[in-house]
Amino acid sequence: MKSSTSATSELKLPPPGRALSLTPAERSALRARAHALHPVVMAGQGGLTDAVLLELERALRAHELIKFKVAEGDRAAREAMLAAVCARLSAAPVQQIGRILVLYRPK
């Protein structure tokens, strides 16, 4: 019997890297581009799981600039989550407004 493989099983998380840094001008331009975007990934009660990281990786590969919605947590917890995601996926934090986080990683 042949097992079917899906795109999910083929995609692997990259090794942990370093968060990218942006100049103020780059950050401003990316905030303007992100204004019209809708969140493509949402972290629920489970927080930052491997499945959420995998979806973020997939979205960053496809779009390079994404919005990410966090369901729970206070401001400090969201800031820590943003830093952890950026470090794990080698992305740059662009903006945080309430529960919406904006990430950027060039293709």
C-alpha atoms as a PDB file:
ATOM      1  CA  MET A   1       0.000   0.000   0.000  1.00  0.00           C
ATOM      2  CA  LYS A   2       1.355   3.372  -0.995  1.00  0.00           C
ATOM      3  CA  SER A   3       1.215   6.103   1.611  1.00  0.00           C
ATOM      4  CA  SER A   4       0.170   9.525   0.462  1.00  0.00           C
ATOM      5  CA  THR A   5       2.399  12.430   1.389  1.00  0.00           C
ATOM      6  CA  SER A   6       0.991  15.870   1.778  1.00  0.00           C
ATOM      7  CA  ALA A   7       2.641  19.240   1.414  1.00  0.00           C
ATOM      8  CA  THR A   8       2.528  19.592   5.201  1.00  0.00           C
ATOM      9  CA  SER A   9       4.801  16.619   5.784  1.00  0.00           C
ATOM     10  CA  GLU A  10       7.308  17.857   3.188  1.00  0.00           C
ATOM     11  CA  LEU A  11       7.751  21.297   4.724  1.00  0.00           C
ATOM     12  CA  LYS A  12      10.211  21.403   7.607  1.00  0.00           C
ATOM     13  CA  LEU A  13      11.033  24.232   9.968  1.00  0.00           C
ATOM     14  CA  PRO A  14      14.414  25.833   9.294  1.00  0.00           C
ATOM     15  CA  PRO A  15      17.076  25.618  11.985  1.00  0.00           C
ATOM     16  CA  PRO A  16      16.823  28.423  14.548  1.00  0.00           C
ATOM     17  CA  GLY A  17      18.478  31.582  13.336  1.00  0.00           C
ATOM     18  CA  ARG A  18      18.635  35.221  14.294  1.00  0.00           C
ATOM     19  CA  ALA A  19      15.911  37.801  13.986  1.00  0.00           C
ATOM     20  CA  LEU A  20      16.501  40.226  11.133  1.00  0.00           C
ATOM     21  CA  SER A  21      16.728  43.936  11.807  1.00  0.00           C
ATOM     22  CA  LEU A  22      15.166  46.707   9.755  1.00  0.00           C
ATOM     23  CA  THR A  23      15.994  50.369   9.350  1.00  0.00           C
ATOM     24  CA  PRO A  24      13.266  52.848  10.324  1.00  0.00           C
ATOM     25  CA  ALA A  25      12.651  53.638   6.633  1.00  0.00           C
ATOM     26  CA  GLU A  26      12.273  49.933   5.769  1.00  0.00           C
ATOM     27  CA  ARG A  27       9.948  49.393   8.730  1.00  0.00           C
ATOM     28  CA  SER A  28       7.804  52.357   7.682  1.00  0.00           C
ATOM     29  CA  ALA A  29       7.511  51.110   4.099  1.00  0.00           C
ATOM     30  CA  LEU A  30       6.604  47.608   5.297  1.00  0.00           C
ATOM     31  CA  ARG A  31       3.973  48.963   7.698  1.00  0.00           C
ATOM     32  CA  ALA A  32       2.380  50.783   4.761  1.00  0.00           C
ATOM     33  CA  ARG A  33       2.395  47.589   2.664  1.00  0.00           C
ATOM     34  CA  ALA A  34       0.949  45.559   5.556  1.00  0.00           C
ATOM     35  CA  HIS A  35      -1.963  47.935   6.108  1.00  0.00           C
ATOM     36  CA  ALA A  36      -4.216  46.177   3.573  1.00  0.00           C
ATOM     37  CA  LEU A  37      -3.267  42.634   4.623  1.00  0.00           C
ATOM     38  CA  HIS A  38      -5.448  40.297   6.652  1.00  0.00           C
ATOM     39  CA  PRO A  39      -4.025  37.840   9.214  1.00  0.00           C
ATOM     40  CA  VAL A  40      -3.068  34.558   7.543  1.00  0.00           C
ATOM     41  CA  VAL A  41      -2.150  32.600  10.684  1.00  0.00           C
ATOM     42  CA  MET A  42      -3.763  32.582  14.118  1.00  0.00           C
ATOM     43  CA  ALA A  43      -2.344  31.200  17.363  1.00  0.00           C
ATOM     44  CA  GLY A  44      -5.063  29.947  19.683  1.00  0.00           C
ATOM     45  CA  GLN A  45      -5.068  28.779  23.282  1.00  0.00           C
ATOM     46  CA  GLY A  46      -2.142  26.447  22.651  1.00  0.00           C
ATOM     47  CA  GLY A  47       0.130  29.389  21.954  1.00  0.00           C
ATOM     48  CA  LEU A  48       3.183  28.992  19.775  1.00  0.00           C
ATOM     49  CA  THR A  49       3.118  25.320  18.784  1.00  0.00           C
ATOM     50  CA  ASP A  50       5.133  23.555  16.073  1.00  0.00           C
ATOM     51  CA  ALA A  51       2.026  23.567  13.874  1.00  0.00           C
ATOM     52  CA  VAL A  52       1.712  27.348  14.195  1.00  0.00           C
ATOM     53  CA  LEU A  53       5.419  27.790  13.431  1.00  0.00           C
ATOM     54  CA  LEU A  54       5.049  25.548  10.388  1.00  0.00           C
ATOM     55  CA  GLU A  55       2.131  27.622   9.094  1.00  0.00           C
ATOM     56  CA  LEU A  56       4.091  30.819   9.681  1.00  0.00           C
ATOM     57  CA  GLU A  57       7.027  29.342   7.759  1.00  0.00           C
ATOM     58  CA  ARG A  58       4.722  28.393   4.886  1.00  0.00           C
ATOM     59  CA  ALA A  59       3.151  31.870   4.821  1.00  0.00           C
ATOM     60  CA  LEU A  60       6.535  33.636   4.913  1.00  0.00           C
ATOM     61  CA  ARG A  61       7.807  31.505   2.030  1.00  0.00           C
ATOM     62  CA  ALA A  62       4.757  32.406  -0.020  1.00  0.00           C
ATOM     63  CA  HIS A  63       4.280  36.072   0.873  1.00  0.00           C
ATOM     64  CA  GLU A  64       7.356  37.448   2.735  1.00  0.00           C
ATOM     65  CA  LEU A  65       5.153  39.994   4.601  1.00  0.00           C
ATOM     66  CA  ILE A  66       2.368  38.560   6.761  1.00  0.00           C
ATOM     67  CA  LYS A  67       0.016  39.389   9.591  1.00  0.00           C
ATOM     68  CA  PHE A  68      -0.281  36.948  12.465  1.00  0.00           C
ATOM     69  CA  LYS A  69      -3.105  37.059  15.026  1.00  0.00           C
ATOM     70  CA  VAL A  70      -2.630  35.962  18.626  1.00  0.00           C
ATOM     71  CA  ALA A  71      -5.775  34.901  20.480  1.00  0.00           C
ATOM     72  CA  GLU A  72      -4.614  35.215  24.067  1.00  0.00           C
ATOM     73  CA  GLY A  73      -1.991  36.705  26.320  1.00  0.00           C
ATOM     74  CA  ASP A  74      -1.056  40.089  27.671  1.00  0.00           C
ATOM     75  CA  ARG A  75       1.173  42.595  25.917  1.00  0.00           C
ATOM     76  CA  ALA A  76       4.404  41.203  27.403  1.00  0.00           C
ATOM     77  CA  ALA A  77       3.481  37.664  26.349  1.00  0.00           C
ATOM     78  CA  ARG A  78       2.748  38.845  22.793  1.00  0.00           C
ATOM     79  CA  GLU A  79       6.048  40.732  22.632  1.00  0.00           C
ATOM     80  CA  ALA A  80       7.887  37.604  23.804  1.00  0.00           C
ATOM     81  CA  MET A  81       6.015  35.518  21.220  1.00  0.00           C
ATOM     82  CA  LEU A  82       6.946  37.963  18.447  1.00  0.00           C
ATOM     83  CA  ALA A  83      10.620  37.840  19.468  1.00  0.00           C
ATOM     84  CA  ALA A  84      10.551  34.023  19.634  1.00  0.00           C
ATOM     85  CA  VAL A  85       8.906  33.704  16.199  1.00  0.00           C
ATOM     86  CA  CYS A  86      11.359  36.120  14.598  1.00  0.00           C
ATOM     87  CA  ALA A  87      14.367  34.349  16.091  1.00  0.00           C
ATOM     88  CA  ARG A  88      13.073  30.874  15.187  1.00  0.00           C
ATOM     89  CA  LEU A  89      12.127  31.765  11.585  1.00  0.00           C
ATOM     90  CA  SER A  90      14.852  34.361  10.867  1.00  0.00           C
ATOM     91  CA  ALA A  91      12.242  37.045  10.286  1.00  0.00           C
ATOM     92  CA  ALA A  92      11.995  40.702  11.225  1.00  0.00           C
ATOM     93  CA  PRO A  93       9.324  42.171  13.486  1.00  0.00           C
ATOM     94  CA  VAL A  94       7.602  45.000  11.640  1.00  0.00           C
ATOM     95  CA  GLN A  95       4.728  46.023  13.864  1.00  0.00           C
ATOM     96  CA  GLN A  96       2.541  44.975  16.758  1.00  0.00           C
ATOM     97  CA  ILE A  97      -0.911  46.476  17.141  1.00  0.00           C
ATOM     98  CA  GLY A  98      -2.949  44.830  19.850  1.00  0.00           C
ATOM     99  CA  ARG A  99      -3.205  41.139  19.023  1.00  0.00           C
ATOM    100  CA  ILE A 100      -1.979  41.550  15.431  1.00  0.00           C
ATOM    101  CA  LEU A 101       1.720  40.969  14.735  1.00  0.00           C
ATOM    102  CA  VAL A 102       3.377  41.761  11.404  1.00  0.00           C
ATOM    103  CA  LEU A 103       6.407  39.724  10.257  1.00  0.00           C
ATOM    104  CA  TYR A 104       8.749  40.163   7.304  1.00  0.00           C
ATOM    105  CA  ARG A 105      11.332  37.864   5.778  1.00  0.00           C
ATOM    106  CA  PRO A 106      12.713  38.563   2.300  1.00  0.00           C
ATOM    107  CA  LYS A 107      12.366  35.725  -0.186  1.00  0.00           C
END
